[in-house]
Amino acid sequence: MGRRYDELEKEHINFIMQQKFFFFGIAANDGTINFFPKGWESLRVLSTNHIAWLNITGSGHKTATHLAQIERETINTSEAIGMRNSEAM
């Protein structure tokens, strides 16, 4: 089960920066889902409560269309590299 934090902790930032890829997901108002992998070069931690990612136009540019409808997205990482024990976070 996920947990909520008021801001990223040092361990979170280190974990994020070790990832080679992540998944980005967003859903439009009509329920259409857009979920896709992205390379780590397009994700940056700007501060303990700001993350930026680069959206490069792909097939149909659905992400920008969905973000215009609803300003909520999900970013998922993989434990392929980094912390193995989720209790550490």
C-alpha atoms as a PDB file:
ATOM      1  CA  MET A   1       0.000   0.000   0.000  1.00  0.00           C
ATOM      2  CA  GLY A   2       1.346   3.414  -0.889  1.00  0.00           C
ATOM      3  CA  ARG A   3       2.145   6.091   1.640  1.00  0.00           C
ATOM      4  CA  ARG A   4       1.838   9.862   1.409  1.00  0.00           C
ATOM      5  CA  TYR A   5       4.627  12.219   2.370  1.00  0.00           C
ATOM      6  CA  ASP A   6       4.558  15.992   2.723  1.00  0.00           C
ATOM      7  CA  GLU A   7       7.833  16.149   0.824  1.00  0.00           C
ATOM      8  CA  LEU A   8      10.505  13.884  -0.609  1.00  0.00           C
ATOM      9  CA  GLU A   9      13.116  12.684   1.842  1.00  0.00           C
ATOM     10  CA  LYS A  10      16.792  12.267   0.949  1.00  0.00           C
ATOM     11  CA  GLU A  11      16.294   8.496   0.548  1.00  0.00           C
ATOM     12  CA  HIS A  12      13.415   9.081  -1.890  1.00  0.00           C
ATOM     13  CA  ILE A  13      15.474  11.465  -4.023  1.00  0.00           C
ATOM     14  CA  ASN A  14      18.429   9.054  -4.082  1.00  0.00           C
ATOM     15  CA  PHE A  15      16.124   6.209  -5.098  1.00  0.00           C
ATOM     16  CA  ILE A  16      14.524   8.268  -7.887  1.00  0.00           C
ATOM     17  CA  MET A  17      17.892   9.368  -9.258  1.00  0.00           C
ATOM     18  CA  GLN A  18      19.120   5.749  -9.430  1.00  0.00           C
ATOM     19  CA  GLN A  19      16.284   4.666 -11.732  1.00  0.00           C
ATOM     20  CA  LYS A  20      16.991   4.040 -15.410  1.00  0.00           C
ATOM     21  CA  PHE A  21      13.349   4.404 -16.398  1.00  0.00           C
ATOM     22  CA  PHE A  22       9.961   5.189 -14.933  1.00  0.00           C
ATOM     23  CA  PHE A  23       6.339   4.954 -15.974  1.00  0.00           C
ATOM     24  CA  PHE A  24       4.035   7.919 -16.383  1.00  0.00           C
ATOM     25  CA  GLY A  25       0.274   7.565 -16.243  1.00  0.00           C
ATOM     26  CA  ILE A  26      -2.659   9.905 -16.721  1.00  0.00           C
ATOM     27  CA  ALA A  27      -6.372   9.478 -17.374  1.00  0.00           C
ATOM     28  CA  ALA A  28      -8.660  11.829 -19.290  1.00  0.00           C
ATOM     29  CA  ASN A  29     -12.096  12.859 -18.032  1.00  0.00           C
ATOM     30  CA  ASP A  30     -13.709  10.177 -20.210  1.00  0.00           C
ATOM     31  CA  GLY A  31     -11.569   7.481 -18.543  1.00  0.00           C
ATOM     32  CA  THR A  32      -9.114   7.047 -21.437  1.00  0.00           C
ATOM     33  CA  ILE A  33      -5.797   5.954 -19.911  1.00  0.00           C
ATOM     34  CA  ASN A  34      -2.347   6.885 -21.161  1.00  0.00           C
ATOM     35  CA  PHE A  35       0.425   4.897 -19.407  1.00  0.00           C
ATOM     36  CA  PHE A  36       3.914   4.611 -20.870  1.00  0.00           C
ATOM     37  CA  PRO A  37       7.611   4.182 -19.990  1.00  0.00           C
ATOM     38  CA  LYS A  38      10.077   7.072 -20.078  1.00  0.00           C
ATOM     39  CA  GLY A  39      13.860   7.222 -19.771  1.00  0.00           C
ATOM     40  CA  TRP A  40      15.381   8.706 -16.627  1.00  0.00           C
ATOM     41  CA  GLU A  41      17.017  11.498 -18.628  1.00  0.00           C
ATOM     42  CA  SER A  42      13.592  13.133 -18.832  1.00  0.00           C
ATOM     43  CA  LEU A  43      12.944  13.174 -15.044  1.00  0.00           C
ATOM     44  CA  ARG A  44      14.497  15.628 -12.585  1.00  0.00           C
ATOM     45  CA  VAL A  45      14.015  16.252  -8.875  1.00  0.00           C
ATOM     46  CA  LEU A  46      14.002  20.042  -8.513  1.00  0.00           C
ATOM     47  CA  SER A  47      13.375  20.193  -4.769  1.00  0.00           C
ATOM     48  CA  THR A  48      11.851  18.138  -1.966  1.00  0.00           C
ATOM     49  CA  ASN A  49       8.369  18.863  -3.311  1.00  0.00           C
ATOM     50  CA  HIS A  50       8.914  19.491  -7.042  1.00  0.00           C
ATOM     51  CA  ILE A  51       9.626  16.940  -9.772  1.00  0.00           C
ATOM     52  CA  ALA A  52       9.818  17.865 -13.454  1.00  0.00           C
ATOM     53  CA  TRP A  53       9.632  15.569 -16.442  1.00  0.00           C
ATOM     54  CA  LEU A  54      10.110  16.312 -20.115  1.00  0.00           C
ATOM     55  CA  ASN A  55       7.149  15.496 -22.328  1.00  0.00           C
ATOM     56  CA  ILE A  56       8.331  14.810 -25.863  1.00  0.00           C
ATOM     57  CA  THR A  57       5.666  14.600 -28.539  1.00  0.00           C
ATOM     58  CA  GLY A  58       4.838  11.024 -29.399  1.00  0.00           C
ATOM     59  CA  SER A  59       1.958   9.354 -31.162  1.00  0.00           C
ATOM     60  CA  GLY A  60      -0.936  11.786 -30.986  1.00  0.00           C
ATOM     61  CA  HIS A  61       0.429  13.800 -28.043  1.00  0.00           C
ATOM     62  CA  LYS A  62      -2.273  12.436 -25.716  1.00  0.00           C
ATOM     63  CA  THR A  63      -0.463  13.494 -22.545  1.00  0.00           C
ATOM     64  CA  ALA A  64      -0.856  17.223 -23.236  1.00  0.00           C
ATOM     65  CA  THR A  65      -4.512  16.700 -24.150  1.00  0.00           C
ATOM     66  CA  HIS A  66      -5.169  14.785 -20.926  1.00  0.00           C
ATOM     67  CA  LEU A  67      -3.270  17.322 -18.784  1.00  0.00           C
ATOM     68  CA  ALA A  68      -5.447  20.082 -20.245  1.00  0.00           C
ATOM     69  CA  GLN A  69      -8.477  18.211 -18.887  1.00  0.00           C
ATOM     70  CA  ILE A  70      -7.165  17.134 -15.490  1.00  0.00           C
ATOM     71  CA  GLU A  71      -3.980  18.223 -13.725  1.00  0.00           C
ATOM     72  CA  ARG A  72      -3.270  14.946 -11.977  1.00  0.00           C
ATOM     73  CA  GLU A  73      -0.747  12.334 -13.057  1.00  0.00           C
ATOM     74  CA  THR A  74       1.063   9.329 -11.624  1.00  0.00           C
ATOM     75  CA  ILE A  75       4.755   8.516 -11.835  1.00  0.00           C
ATOM     76  CA  ASN A  76       5.855   4.959 -11.050  1.00  0.00           C
ATOM     77  CA  THR A  77       9.407   3.707 -10.626  1.00  0.00           C
ATOM     78  CA  SER A  78      10.803   0.198 -10.667  1.00  0.00           C
ATOM     79  CA  GLU A  79      12.874  -1.497  -7.996  1.00  0.00           C
ATOM     80  CA  ALA A  80      15.173  -2.892 -10.669  1.00  0.00           C
ATOM     81  CA  ILE A  81      17.828  -0.570  -9.259  1.00  0.00           C
ATOM     82  CA  GLY A  82      17.864   0.944  -5.781  1.00  0.00           C
ATOM     83  CA  MET A  83      16.146   0.095  -2.537  1.00  0.00           C
ATOM     84  CA  ARG A  84      14.984  -3.466  -2.156  1.00  0.00           C
ATOM     85  CA  ASN A  85      13.192  -2.998   1.160  1.00  0.00           C
ATOM     86  CA  SER A  86      10.098  -0.781   0.836  1.00  0.00           C
ATOM     87  CA  GLU A  87      10.037  -0.486   4.655  1.00  0.00           C
ATOM     88  CA  ALA A  88      13.165   1.684   4.377  1.00  0.00           C
ATOM     89  CA  MET A  89      10.965   4.398   2.920  1.00  0.00           C
END
